[in-house]
Amino acid sequence: LSCQASKSAFNNFRMGWHRQAPGNERELVATITSGGSTYYVDS
């Protein structure tokens, strides 16, 4: 998957991928900091 910004405004932000299955709330999947540190949910 790709997430492209129209400008460079988010380069200093922690970014995250979320997902939402039918009938469920949107949940966090993974994050990455501006420095490249990552986090993933156990699943």
Full PDB file with SEQRES, HELIX, SHEET, SSBOND, CRYST1, ORIGX, SCALE, CONECT and MASTER records, all heavy atoms in Angstrom:
SEQRES   1 A   43  LEU SER CYS GLN ALA SER LYS SER ALA PHE ASN ASN PHE          
SEQRES   2 A   43  ARG MET GLY TRP HIS ARG GLN ALA PRO GLY ASN GLU ARG          
SEQRES   3 A   43  GLU LEU VAL ALA THR ILE THR SER GLY GLY SER THR TYR          
SEQRES   4 A   43  TYR VAL ASP SER                                              
SHEET    1 AA1 3 MET A  15  ARG A  19  0                                        
SHEET    2 AA1 3 GLU A  27  ILE A  32 -1                                        
SHEET    3 AA1 3 THR A  38  TYR A  40 -1                                        
CRYST1    1.000    1.000    1.000  90.00  90.00  90.00 P 1           1          
ORIGX1      1.000000  0.000000  0.000000        0.00000                         
ORIGX2      0.000000  1.000000  0.000000        0.00000                         
ORIGX3      0.000000  0.000000  1.000000        0.00000                         
SCALE1      1.000000  0.000000  0.000000        0.00000                         
SCALE2      0.000000  1.000000  0.000000        0.00000                         
SCALE3      0.000000  0.000000  1.000000        0.00000                         
ATOM      1  N   LEU A   1       0.824  -1.187   0.000  1.00  0.00           N  
ATOM      2  CA  LEU A   1       0.000   0.000   0.000  1.00  0.00           C  
ATOM      3  C   LEU A   1       0.868   1.251   0.000  1.00  0.00           C  
ATOM      4  O   LEU A   1       1.946   1.267   0.585  1.00  0.00           O  
ATOM      5  CB  LEU A   1      -0.923   0.028   1.216  1.00  0.00           C  
ATOM      6  CG  LEU A   1      -1.795  -1.205   1.451  1.00  0.00           C  
ATOM      7  CD1 LEU A   1      -2.721  -0.960   2.641  1.00  0.00           C  
ATOM      8  CD2 LEU A   1      -2.592  -1.557   0.211  1.00  0.00           C  
ATOM      9  N   SER A   2       0.371   2.294  -0.643  1.00  0.00           N  
ATOM     10  CA  SER A   2       1.065   3.571  -0.680  1.00  0.00           C  
ATOM     11  C   SER A   2       0.157   4.667  -0.175  1.00  0.00           C  
ATOM     12  O   SER A   2      -1.056   4.631  -0.380  1.00  0.00           O  
ATOM     13  CB  SER A   2       1.520   3.913  -2.100  1.00  0.00           C  
ATOM     14  OG  SER A   2       2.451   2.975  -2.590  1.00  0.00           O  
ATOM     15  N   CYS A   3       0.735   5.636   0.485  1.00  0.00           N  
ATOM     16  CA  CYS A   3       0.029   6.814   0.972  1.00  0.00           C  
ATOM     17  C   CYS A   3       0.848   8.017   0.553  1.00  0.00           C  
ATOM     18  O   CYS A   3       1.926   8.265   1.105  1.00  0.00           O  
ATOM     19  CB  CYS A   3      -0.125   6.756   2.495  1.00  0.00           C  
ATOM     20  SG  CYS A   3      -0.742   8.264   3.260  1.00  0.00           S  
ATOM     21  N   GLN A   4       0.352   8.741  -0.423  1.00  0.00           N  
ATOM     22  CA  GLN A   4       1.110   9.848  -0.981  1.00  0.00           C  
ATOM     23  C   GLN A   4       0.476  11.185  -0.626  1.00  0.00           C  
ATOM     24  O   GLN A   4      -0.726  11.377  -0.808  1.00  0.00           O  
ATOM     25  CB  GLN A   4       1.233   9.723  -2.492  1.00  0.00           C  
ATOM     26  CG  GLN A   4       2.143  10.779  -3.110  1.00  0.00           C  
ATOM     27  CD  GLN A   4       2.583  10.436  -4.509  1.00  0.00           C  
ATOM     28  OE1 GLN A   4       1.951   9.616  -5.179  1.00  0.00           O  
ATOM     29  NE2 GLN A   4       3.658  11.044  -4.958  1.00  0.00           N  
ATOM     30  N   ALA A   5       1.293  12.082  -0.123  1.00  0.00           N  
ATOM     31  CA  ALA A   5       0.855  13.431   0.196  1.00  0.00           C  
ATOM     32  C   ALA A   5       1.109  14.347  -0.991  1.00  0.00           C  
ATOM     33  O   ALA A   5       2.087  14.185  -1.721  1.00  0.00           O  
ATOM     34  CB  ALA A   5       1.579  13.964   1.423  1.00  0.00           C  
ATOM     35  N   SER A   6       0.227  15.306  -1.166  1.00  0.00           N  
ATOM     36  CA  SER A   6       0.377  16.237  -2.273  1.00  0.00           C  
ATOM     37  C   SER A   6       1.549  17.189  -2.065  1.00  0.00           C  
ATOM     38  O   SER A   6       2.087  17.730  -3.024  1.00  0.00           O  
ATOM     39  CB  SER A   6      -0.913  17.030  -2.479  1.00  0.00           C  
ATOM     40  OG  SER A   6      -1.276  17.734  -1.304  1.00  0.00           O  
ATOM     41  N   LYS A   7       1.943  17.378  -0.816  1.00  0.00           N  
ATOM     42  CA  LYS A   7       3.082  18.210  -0.465  1.00  0.00           C  
ATOM     43  C   LYS A   7       3.874  17.552   0.655  1.00  0.00           C  
ATOM     44  O   LYS A   7       3.484  16.508   1.174  1.00  0.00           O  
ATOM     45  CB  LYS A   7       2.615  19.609  -0.047  1.00  0.00           C  
ATOM     46  CG  LYS A   7       1.888  20.389  -1.134  1.00  0.00           C  
ATOM     47  CD  LYS A   7       1.447  21.753  -0.632  1.00  0.00           C  
ATOM     48  CE  LYS A   7       0.715  22.514  -1.726  1.00  0.00           C  
ATOM     49  NZ  LYS A   7       0.256  23.849  -1.251  1.00  0.00           N  
ATOM     50  N   SER A   8       4.976  18.185   1.052  1.00  0.00           N  
ATOM     51  CA  SER A   8       5.865  17.624   2.059  1.00  0.00           C  
ATOM     52  C   SER A   8       5.489  18.011   3.487  1.00  0.00           C  
ATOM     53  O   SER A   8       6.305  17.872   4.390  1.00  0.00           O  
ATOM     54  CB  SER A   8       7.302  18.061   1.783  1.00  0.00           C  
ATOM     55  OG  SER A   8       7.424  19.472   1.830  1.00  0.00           O  
ATOM     56  N   ALA A   9       4.274  18.456   3.702  1.00  0.00           N  
ATOM     57  CA  ALA A   9       3.854  18.996   4.990  1.00  0.00           C  
ATOM     58  C   ALA A   9       3.909  17.983   6.126  1.00  0.00           C  
ATOM     59  O   ALA A   9       3.995  18.369   7.288  1.00  0.00           O  
ATOM     60  CB  ALA A   9       2.449  19.575   4.875  1.00  0.00           C  
ATOM     61  N   PHE A  10       3.864  16.676   5.821  1.00  0.00           N  
ATOM     62  CA  PHE A  10       3.784  15.649   6.858  1.00  0.00           C  
ATOM     63  C   PHE A  10       5.114  14.989   7.174  1.00  0.00           C  
ATOM     64  O   PHE A  10       5.152  14.037   7.944  1.00  0.00           O  
ATOM     65  CB  PHE A  10       2.761  14.579   6.455  1.00  0.00           C  
ATOM     66  CG  PHE A  10       1.390  15.119   6.209  1.00  0.00           C  
ATOM     67  CD1 PHE A  10       0.898  15.242   4.922  1.00  0.00           C  
ATOM     68  CD2 PHE A  10       0.592  15.513   7.269  1.00  0.00           C  
ATOM     69  CE1 PHE A  10      -0.360  15.753   4.687  1.00  0.00           C  
ATOM     70  CE2 PHE A  10      -0.675  16.023   7.045  1.00  0.00           C  
ATOM     71  CZ  PHE A  10      -1.148  16.146   5.752  1.00  0.00           C  
ATOM     72  N   ASN A  11       6.199  15.464   6.604  1.00  0.00           N  
ATOM     73  CA  ASN A  11       7.486  14.796   6.759  1.00  0.00           C  
ATOM     74  C   ASN A  11       8.008  14.802   8.188  1.00  0.00           C  
ATOM     75  O   ASN A  11       8.827  13.958   8.546  1.00  0.00           O  
ATOM     76  CB  ASN A  11       8.523  15.405   5.826  1.00  0.00           C  
ATOM     77  CG  ASN A  11       8.315  15.010   4.378  1.00  0.00           C  
ATOM     78  OD1 ASN A  11       7.505  14.134   4.072  1.00  0.00           O  
ATOM     79  ND2 ASN A  11       9.057  15.656   3.489  1.00  0.00           N  
ATOM     80  N   ASN A  12       7.563  15.737   9.008  1.00  0.00           N  
ATOM     81  CA  ASN A  12       7.995  15.801  10.398  1.00  0.00           C  
ATOM     82  C   ASN A  12       6.978  15.217  11.365  1.00  0.00           C  
ATOM     83  O   ASN A  12       7.118  15.369  12.576  1.00  0.00           O  
ATOM     84  CB  ASN A  12       8.313  17.235  10.792  1.00  0.00           C  
ATOM     85  CG  ASN A  12       9.586  17.744  10.152  1.00  0.00           C  
ATOM     86  OD1 ASN A  12      10.549  17.001   9.985  1.00  0.00           O  
ATOM     87  ND2 ASN A  12       9.605  19.023   9.805  1.00  0.00           N  
ATOM     88  N   PHE A  13       5.967  14.531  10.846  1.00  0.00           N  
ATOM     89  CA  PHE A  13       4.932  13.922  11.668  1.00  0.00           C  
ATOM     90  C   PHE A  13       5.113  12.421  11.752  1.00  0.00           C  
ATOM     91  O   PHE A  13       5.583  11.775  10.820  1.00  0.00           O  
ATOM     92  CB  PHE A  13       3.540  14.211  11.088  1.00  0.00           C  
ATOM     93  CG  PHE A  13       3.063  15.623  11.281  1.00  0.00           C  
ATOM     94  CD1 PHE A  13       3.437  16.623  10.414  1.00  0.00           C  
ATOM     95  CD2 PHE A  13       2.218  15.936  12.338  1.00  0.00           C  
ATOM     96  CE1 PHE A  13       2.995  17.926  10.587  1.00  0.00           C  
ATOM     97  CE2 PHE A  13       1.763  17.232  12.521  1.00  0.00           C  
ATOM     98  CZ  PHE A  13       2.154  18.227  11.644  1.00  0.00           C  
ATOM     99  N   ARG A  14       4.701  11.864  12.879  1.00  0.00           N  
ATOM    100  CA  ARG A  14       4.514  10.428  12.952  1.00  0.00           C  
ATOM    101  C   ARG A  14       3.307  10.075  12.084  1.00  0.00           C  
ATOM    102  O   ARG A  14       2.263  10.732  12.166  1.00  0.00           O  
ATOM    103  CB  ARG A  14       4.273   9.978  14.386  1.00  0.00           C  
ATOM    104  CG  ARG A  14       3.941   8.501  14.522  1.00  0.00           C  
ATOM    105  CD  ARG A  14       3.644   8.144  15.968  1.00  0.00           C  
ATOM    106  NE  ARG A  14       4.859   8.195  16.776  1.00  0.00           N  
ATOM    107  CZ  ARG A  14       4.850   8.146  18.105  1.00  0.00           C  
ATOM    108  NH1 ARG A  14       3.705   8.066  18.766  1.00  0.00           N  
ATOM    109  NH2 ARG A  14       6.006   8.186  18.767  1.00  0.00           N  
ATOM    110  N   MET A  15       3.453   9.076  11.246  1.00  0.00           N  
ATOM    111  CA  MET A  15       2.385   8.646  10.359  1.00  0.00           C  
ATOM    112  C   MET A  15       1.907   7.262  10.754  1.00  0.00           C  
ATOM    113  O   MET A  15       2.667   6.460  11.299  1.00  0.00           O  
ATOM    114  CB  MET A  15       2.854   8.635   8.906  1.00  0.00           C  
ATOM    115  CG  MET A  15       3.296   9.989   8.375  1.00  0.00           C  
ATOM    116  SD  MET A  15       1.920  11.178   8.266  1.00  0.00           S  
ATOM    117  CE  MET A  15       0.910  10.398   6.988  1.00  0.00           C  
ATOM    118  N   GLY A  16       0.651   6.996  10.470  1.00  0.00           N  
ATOM    119  CA  GLY A  16       0.092   5.704  10.813  1.00  0.00           C  
ATOM    120  C   GLY A  16      -0.826   5.154   9.744  1.00  0.00           C  
ATOM    121  O   GLY A  16      -1.458   5.904   8.997  1.00  0.00           O  
ATOM    122  N   TRP A  17      -0.861   3.828   9.670  1.00  0.00           N  
ATOM    123  CA  TRP A  17      -1.841   3.123   8.874  1.00  0.00           C  
ATOM    124  C   TRP A  17      -2.913   2.583   9.810  1.00  0.00           C  
ATOM    125  O   TRP A  17      -2.596   2.021  10.860  1.00  0.00           O  
ATOM    126  CB  TRP A  17      -1.208   1.969   8.088  1.00  0.00           C  
ATOM    127  CG  TRP A  17      -0.460   2.387   6.865  1.00  0.00           C  
ATOM    128  CD1 TRP A  17       0.874   2.590   6.743  1.00  0.00           C  
ATOM    129  CD2 TRP A  17      -1.031   2.636   5.572  1.00  0.00           C  
ATOM    130  NE1 TRP A  17       1.182   2.956   5.452  1.00  0.00           N  
ATOM    131  CE2 TRP A  17       0.031   2.993   4.713  1.00  0.00           C  
ATOM    132  CE3 TRP A  17      -2.328   2.593   5.060  1.00  0.00           C  
ATOM    133  CZ2 TRP A  17      -0.159   3.306   3.371  1.00  0.00           C  
ATOM    134  CZ3 TRP A  17      -2.521   2.908   3.720  1.00  0.00           C  
ATOM    135  CH2 TRP A  17      -1.444   3.254   2.898  1.00  0.00           C  
ATOM    136  N   HIS A  18      -4.149   2.769   9.427  1.00  0.00           N  
ATOM    137  CA  HIS A  18      -5.296   2.255  10.159  1.00  0.00           C  
ATOM    138  C   HIS A  18      -6.142   1.416   9.221  1.00  0.00           C  
ATOM    139  O   HIS A  18      -6.018   1.525   8.007  1.00  0.00           O  
ATOM    140  CB  HIS A  18      -6.141   3.396  10.728  1.00  0.00           C  
ATOM    141  CG  HIS A  18      -5.392   4.343  11.615  1.00  0.00           C  
ATOM    142  ND1 HIS A  18      -4.474   5.248  11.130  1.00  0.00           N  
ATOM    143  CD2 HIS A  18      -5.433   4.519  12.966  1.00  0.00           C  
ATOM    144  CE1 HIS A  18      -3.980   5.955  12.129  1.00  0.00           C  
ATOM    145  NE2 HIS A  18      -4.548   5.531  13.253  1.00  0.00           N  
ATOM    146  N   ARG A  19      -7.012   0.591   9.778  1.00  0.00           N  
ATOM    147  CA  ARG A  19      -7.905  -0.184   8.946  1.00  0.00           C  
ATOM    148  C   ARG A  19      -9.266  -0.300   9.613  1.00  0.00           C  
ATOM    149  O   ARG A  19      -9.392  -0.204  10.825  1.00  0.00           O  
ATOM    150  CB  ARG A  19      -7.339  -1.577   8.648  1.00  0.00           C  
ATOM    151  CG  ARG A  19      -7.199  -2.486   9.861  1.00  0.00           C  
ATOM    152  CD  ARG A  19      -6.484  -3.770   9.472  1.00  0.00           C  
ATOM    153  NE  ARG A  19      -6.340  -4.678  10.597  1.00  0.00           N  
ATOM    154  CZ  ARG A  19      -5.646  -5.812  10.554  1.00  0.00           C  
ATOM    155  NH1 ARG A  19      -5.028  -6.171   9.431  1.00  0.00           N  
ATOM    156  NH2 ARG A  19      -5.575  -6.584  11.629  1.00  0.00           N  
ATOM    157  N   GLN A  20     -10.276  -0.509   8.790  1.00  0.00           N  
ATOM    158  CA  GLN A  20     -11.631  -0.648   9.279  1.00  0.00           C  
ATOM    159  C   GLN A  20     -12.330  -1.755   8.509  1.00  0.00           C  
ATOM    160  O   GLN A  20     -12.530  -1.641   7.300  1.00  0.00           O  
ATOM    161  CB  GLN A  20     -12.405   0.664   9.147  1.00  0.00           C  
ATOM    162  CG  GLN A  20     -13.789   0.624   9.760  1.00  0.00           C  
ATOM    163  CD  GLN A  20     -14.441   1.984   9.809  1.00  0.00           C  
ATOM    164  OE1 GLN A  20     -14.105   2.873   9.028  1.00  0.00           O  
ATOM    165  NE2 GLN A  20     -15.373   2.167  10.733  1.00  0.00           N  
ATOM    166  N   ALA A  21     -12.691  -2.806   9.214  1.00  0.00           N  
ATOM    167  CA  ALA A  21     -13.445  -3.903   8.639  1.00  0.00           C  
ATOM    168  C   ALA A  21     -14.932  -3.623   8.806  1.00  0.00           C  
ATOM    169  O   ALA A  21     -15.334  -2.872   9.704  1.00  0.00           O  
ATOM    170  CB  ALA A  21     -13.066  -5.219   9.312  1.00  0.00           C  
ATOM    171  N   PRO A  22     -15.779  -4.220   7.967  1.00  0.00           N  
ATOM    172  CA  PRO A  22     -17.222  -4.006   8.087  1.00  0.00           C  
ATOM    173  C   PRO A  22     -17.730  -4.318   9.488  1.00  0.00           C  
ATOM    174  O   PRO A  22     -17.433  -5.377  10.045  1.00  0.00           O  
ATOM    175  CB  PRO A  22     -17.808  -4.968   7.054  1.00  0.00           C  
ATOM    176  CG  PRO A  22     -16.726  -5.116   6.033  1.00  0.00           C  
ATOM    177  CD  PRO A  22     -15.449  -5.091   6.824  1.00  0.00           C  
ATOM    178  N   GLY A  23     -18.475  -3.385  10.057  1.00  0.00           N  
ATOM    179  CA  GLY A  23     -19.035  -3.574  11.378  1.00  0.00           C  
ATOM    180  C   GLY A  23     -18.100  -3.265  12.519  1.00  0.00           C  
ATOM    181  O   GLY A  23     -18.515  -3.322  13.681  1.00  0.00           O  
ATOM    182  N   ASN A  24     -16.852  -2.952  12.226  1.00  0.00           N  
ATOM    183  CA  ASN A  24     -15.867  -2.655  13.255  1.00  0.00           C  
ATOM    184  C   ASN A  24     -15.450  -1.194  13.210  1.00  0.00           C  
ATOM    185  O   ASN A  24     -15.642  -0.502  12.216  1.00  0.00           O  
ATOM    186  CB  ASN A  24     -14.627  -3.536  13.090  1.00  0.00           C  
ATOM    187  CG  ASN A  24     -14.904  -4.999  13.320  1.00  0.00           C  
ATOM    188  OD1 ASN A  24     -15.886  -5.361  13.972  1.00  0.00           O  
ATOM    189  ND2 ASN A  24     -14.043  -5.850  12.789  1.00  0.00           N  
ATOM    190  N   GLU A  25     -14.862  -0.744  14.303  1.00  0.00           N  
ATOM    191  CA  GLU A  25     -14.309   0.596  14.336  1.00  0.00           C  
ATOM    192  C   GLU A  25     -12.942   0.613  13.668  1.00  0.00           C  
ATOM    193  O   GLU A  25     -12.278  -0.416  13.551  1.00  0.00           O  
ATOM    194  CB  GLU A  25     -14.190   1.098  15.775  1.00  0.00           C  
ATOM    195  CG  GLU A  25     -15.523   1.338  16.464  1.00  0.00           C  
ATOM    196  CD  GLU A  25     -15.358   2.030  17.797  1.00  0.00           C  
ATOM    197  OE1 GLU A  25     -14.244   1.992  18.364  1.00  0.00           O  
ATOM    198  OE2 GLU A  25     -16.339   2.628  18.270  1.00  0.00           O  
ATOM    199  N   ARG A  26     -12.541   1.772  13.239  1.00  0.00           N  
ATOM    200  CA  ARG A  26     -11.217   1.930  12.659  1.00  0.00           C  
ATOM    201  C   ARG A  26     -10.163   1.672  13.731  1.00  0.00           C  
ATOM    202  O   ARG A  26     -10.258   2.175  14.850  1.00  0.00           O  
ATOM    203  CB  ARG A  26     -11.082   3.337  12.079  1.00  0.00           C  
ATOM    204  CG  ARG A  26      -9.796   3.589  11.313  1.00  0.00           C  
ATOM    205  CD  ARG A  26      -9.767   5.018  10.771  1.00  0.00           C  
ATOM    206  NE  ARG A  26     -10.575   5.179   9.558  1.00  0.00           N  
ATOM    207  CZ  ARG A  26     -11.725   5.845   9.505  1.00  0.00           C  
ATOM    208  NH1 ARG A  26     -12.225   6.420  10.590  1.00  0.00           N  
ATOM    209  NH2 ARG A  26     -12.382   5.951   8.354  1.00  0.00           N  
ATOM    210  N   GLU A  27      -9.161   0.857  13.398  1.00  0.00           N  
ATOM    211  CA  GLU A  27      -8.133   0.504  14.352  1.00  0.00           C  
ATOM    212  C   GLU A  27      -6.743   0.790  13.805  1.00  0.00           C  
ATOM    213  O   GLU A  27      -6.498   0.743  12.599  1.00  0.00           O  
ATOM    214  CB  GLU A  27      -8.238  -0.974  14.736  1.00  0.00           C  
ATOM    215  CG  GLU A  27      -7.956  -1.931  13.584  1.00  0.00           C  
ATOM    216  CD  GLU A  27      -7.943  -3.384  14.013  1.00  0.00           C  
ATOM    217  OE1 GLU A  27      -7.956  -3.660  15.227  1.00  0.00           O  
ATOM    218  OE2 GLU A  27      -7.918  -4.258  13.116  1.00  0.00           O  
ATOM    219  N   LEU A  28      -5.833   1.068  14.705  1.00  0.00           N  
ATOM    220  CA  LEU A  28      -4.446   1.317  14.340  1.00  0.00           C  
ATOM    221  C   LEU A  28      -3.772   0.022  13.917  1.00  0.00           C  
ATOM    222  O   LEU A  28      -3.981  -1.027  14.526  1.00  0.00           O  
ATOM    223  CB  LEU A  28      -3.697   1.936  15.515  1.00  0.00           C  
ATOM    224  CG  LEU A  28      -2.205   2.200  15.323  1.00  0.00           C  
ATOM    225  CD1 LEU A  28      -1.985   3.295  14.284  1.00  0.00           C  
ATOM    226  CD2 LEU A  28      -1.562   2.588  16.652  1.00  0.00           C  
ATOM    227  N   VAL A  29      -2.945   0.085  12.886  1.00  0.00           N  
ATOM    228  CA  VAL A  29      -2.187  -1.058  12.402  1.00  0.00           C  
ATOM    229  C   VAL A  29      -0.700  -0.878  12.654  1.00  0.00           C  
ATOM    230  O   VAL A  29      -0.032  -1.765  13.192  1.00  0.00           O  
ATOM    231  CB  VAL A  29      -2.437  -1.301  10.905  1.00  0.00           C  
ATOM    232  CG1 VAL A  29      -1.547  -2.418  10.381  1.00  0.00           C  
ATOM    233  CG2 VAL A  29      -3.905  -1.627  10.663  1.00  0.00           C  
ATOM    234  N   ALA A  30      -0.156   0.259  12.245  1.00  0.00           N  
ATOM    235  CA  ALA A  30       1.275   0.505  12.362  1.00  0.00           C  
ATOM    236  C   ALA A  30       1.544   1.994  12.318  1.00  0.00           C  
ATOM    237  O   ALA A  30       0.768   2.759  11.753  1.00  0.00           O  
ATOM    238  CB  ALA A  30       2.046  -0.197  11.235  1.00  0.00           C  
ATOM    239  N   THR A  31       2.656   2.404  12.918  1.00  0.00           N  
ATOM    240  CA  THR A  31       3.080   3.799  12.867  1.00  0.00           C  
ATOM    241  C   THR A  31       4.562   3.878  12.543  1.00  0.00           C  
ATOM    242  O   THR A  31       5.314   2.933  12.754  1.00  0.00           O  
ATOM    243  CB  THR A  31       2.828   4.545  14.191  1.00  0.00           C  
ATOM    244  OG1 THR A  31       3.646   3.990  15.225  1.00  0.00           O  
ATOM    245  CG2 THR A  31       1.365   4.474  14.590  1.00  0.00           C  
ATOM    246  N   ILE A  32       4.965   5.035  12.052  1.00  0.00           N  
ATOM    247  CA  ILE A  32       6.372   5.309  11.798  1.00  0.00           C  
ATOM    248  C   ILE A  32       6.638   6.765  12.129  1.00  0.00           C  
ATOM    249  O   ILE A  32       5.886   7.652  11.729  1.00  0.00           O  
ATOM    250  CB  ILE A  32       6.767   4.968  10.343  1.00  0.00           C  
ATOM    251  CG1 ILE A  32       8.273   5.177  10.137  1.00  0.00           C  
ATOM    252  CG2 ILE A  32       5.954   5.776   9.337  1.00  0.00           C  
ATOM    253  CD1 ILE A  32       8.792   4.573   8.836  1.00  0.00           C  
ATOM    254  N   THR A  33       7.698   7.021  12.885  1.00  0.00           N  
ATOM    255  CA  THR A  33       8.050   8.378  13.255  1.00  0.00           C  
ATOM    256  C   THR A  33       8.819   9.044  12.131  1.00  0.00           C  
ATOM    257  O   THR A  33       9.218   8.415  11.153  1.00  0.00           O  
ATOM    258  CB  THR A  33       8.897   8.400  14.532  1.00  0.00           C  
ATOM    259  OG1 THR A  33      10.183   7.833  14.257  1.00  0.00           O  
ATOM    260  CG2 THR A  33       8.226   7.615  15.652  1.00  0.00           C  
ATOM    261  N   SER A  34       9.042  10.343  12.290  1.00  0.00           N  
ATOM    262  CA  SER A  34       9.818  11.069  11.298  1.00  0.00           C  
ATOM    263  C   SER A  34      11.240  10.526  11.200  1.00  0.00           C  
ATOM    264  O   SER A  34      11.872  10.638  10.146  1.00  0.00           O  
ATOM    265  CB  SER A  34       9.850  12.561  11.636  1.00  0.00           C  
ATOM    266  OG  SER A  34      10.442  12.789  12.906  1.00  0.00           O  
ATOM    267  N   GLY A  35      11.736   9.933  12.290  1.00  0.00           N  
ATOM    268  CA  GLY A  35      13.066   9.355  12.302  1.00  0.00           C  
ATOM    269  C   GLY A  35      13.131   7.903  11.875  1.00  0.00           C  
ATOM    270  O   GLY A  35      14.220   7.328  11.828  1.00  0.00           O  
ATOM    271  N   GLY A  36      11.975   7.298  11.588  1.00  0.00           N  
ATOM    272  CA  GLY A  36      11.956   5.943  11.082  1.00  0.00           C  
ATOM    273  C   GLY A  36      11.668   4.856  12.101  1.00  0.00           C  
ATOM    274  O   GLY A  36      11.695   3.669  11.751  1.00  0.00           O  
ATOM    275  N   SER A  37      11.399   5.220  13.353  1.00  0.00           N  
ATOM    276  CA  SER A  37      11.038   4.217  14.350  1.00  0.00           C  
ATOM    277  C   SER A  37       9.635   3.702  14.073  1.00  0.00           C  
ATOM    278  O   SER A  37       8.737   4.483  13.768  1.00  0.00           O  
ATOM    279  CB  SER A  37      11.123   4.793  15.752  1.00  0.00           C  
ATOM    280  OG  SER A  37      12.448   5.168  16.069  1.00  0.00           O  
ATOM    281  N   THR A  38       9.440   2.397  14.200  1.00  0.00           N  
ATOM    282  CA  THR A  38       8.170   1.781  13.828  1.00  0.00           C  
ATOM    283  C   THR A  38       7.494   1.107  15.002  1.00  0.00           C  
ATOM    284  O   THR A  38       8.131   0.722  15.983  1.00  0.00           O  
ATOM    285  CB  THR A  38       8.371   0.757  12.705  1.00  0.00           C  
ATOM    286  OG1 THR A  38       9.286  -0.259  13.143  1.00  0.00           O  
ATOM    287  CG2 THR A  38       8.932   1.427  11.459  1.00  0.00           C  
ATOM    288  N   TYR A  39       6.195   0.958  14.863  1.00  0.00           N  
ATOM    289  CA  TYR A  39       5.372   0.248  15.832  1.00  0.00           C  
ATOM    290  C   TYR A  39       4.324  -0.549  15.068  1.00  0.00           C  
ATOM    291  O   TYR A  39       3.776  -0.076  14.069  1.00  0.00           O  
ATOM    292  CB  TYR A  39       4.675   1.222  16.788  1.00  0.00           C  
ATOM    293  CG  TYR A  39       3.521   0.600  17.534  1.00  0.00           C  
ATOM    294  CD1 TYR A  39       3.735  -0.178  18.669  1.00  0.00           C  
ATOM    295  CD2 TYR A  39       2.206   0.761  17.091  1.00  0.00           C  
ATOM    296  CE1 TYR A  39       2.683  -0.766  19.339  1.00  0.00           C  
ATOM    297  CE2 TYR A  39       1.148   0.173  17.758  1.00  0.00           C  
ATOM    298  CZ  TYR A  39       1.394  -0.590  18.884  1.00  0.00           C  
ATOM    299  OH  TYR A  39       0.343  -1.174  19.549  1.00  0.00           O  
ATOM    300  N   TYR A  40       4.028  -1.758  15.550  1.00  0.00           N  
ATOM    301  CA  TYR A  40       3.018  -2.608  14.942  1.00  0.00           C  
ATOM    302  C   TYR A  40       2.139  -3.212  16.026  1.00  0.00           C  
ATOM    303  O   TYR A  40       2.623  -3.571  17.103  1.00  0.00           O  
ATOM    304  CB  TYR A  40       3.656  -3.748  14.143  1.00  0.00           C  
ATOM    305  CG  TYR A  40       4.633  -3.306  13.091  1.00  0.00           C  
ATOM    306  CD1 TYR A  40       5.987  -3.179  13.382  1.00  0.00           C  
ATOM    307  CD2 TYR A  40       4.202  -3.017  11.803  1.00  0.00           C  
ATOM    308  CE1 TYR A  40       6.886  -2.766  12.418  1.00  0.00           C  
ATOM    309  CE2 TYR A  40       5.097  -2.604  10.829  1.00  0.00           C  
ATOM    310  CZ  TYR A  40       6.439  -2.483  11.146  1.00  0.00           C  
ATOM    311  OH  TYR A  40       7.331  -2.075  10.177  1.00  0.00           O  
ATOM    312  N   VAL A  41       0.866  -3.342  15.722  1.00  0.00           N  
ATOM    313  CA  VAL A  41       0.005  -4.087  16.619  1.00  0.00           C  
ATOM    314  C   VAL A  41       0.369  -5.565  16.504  1.00  0.00           C  
ATOM    315  O   VAL A  41       0.913  -6.021  15.495  1.00  0.00           O  
ATOM    316  CB  VAL A  41      -1.484  -3.866  16.293  1.00  0.00           C  
ATOM    317  CG1 VAL A  41      -1.866  -2.415  16.532  1.00  0.00           C  
ATOM    318  CG2 VAL A  41      -1.808  -4.280  14.872  1.00  0.00           C  
ATOM    319  N   ASP A  42       0.083  -6.320  17.560  1.00  0.00           N  
ATOM    320  CA  ASP A  42       0.511  -7.711  17.615  1.00  0.00           C  
ATOM    321  C   ASP A  42      -0.030  -8.550  16.459  1.00  0.00           C  
ATOM    322  O   ASP A  42       0.640  -9.475  15.992  1.00  0.00           O  
ATOM    323  CB  ASP A  42       0.089  -8.342  18.940  1.00  0.00           C  
ATOM    324  CG  ASP A  42       0.894  -7.827  20.117  1.00  0.00           C  
ATOM    325  OD1 ASP A  42       1.977  -7.257  19.893  1.00  0.00           O  
ATOM    326  OD2 ASP A  42       0.444  -8.007  21.264  1.00  0.00           O  
ATOM    327  N   SER A  43      -1.215  -8.244  15.986  1.00  0.00           N  
ATOM    328  CA  SER A  43      -1.841  -9.058  14.965  1.00  0.00           C  
ATOM    329  C   SER A  43      -1.130  -8.997  13.612  1.00  0.00           C  
ATOM    330  O   SER A  43      -1.318  -9.881  12.778  1.00  0.00           O  
ATOM    331  CB  SER A  43      -3.311  -8.667  14.789  1.00  0.00           C  
ATOM    332  OG  SER A  43      -3.436  -7.313  14.404  1.00  0.00           O  
TER     333      SER A  43                                                      
MASTER        0    0    0    0    3    0    0    6  332    1    0    4          
END                                                                             
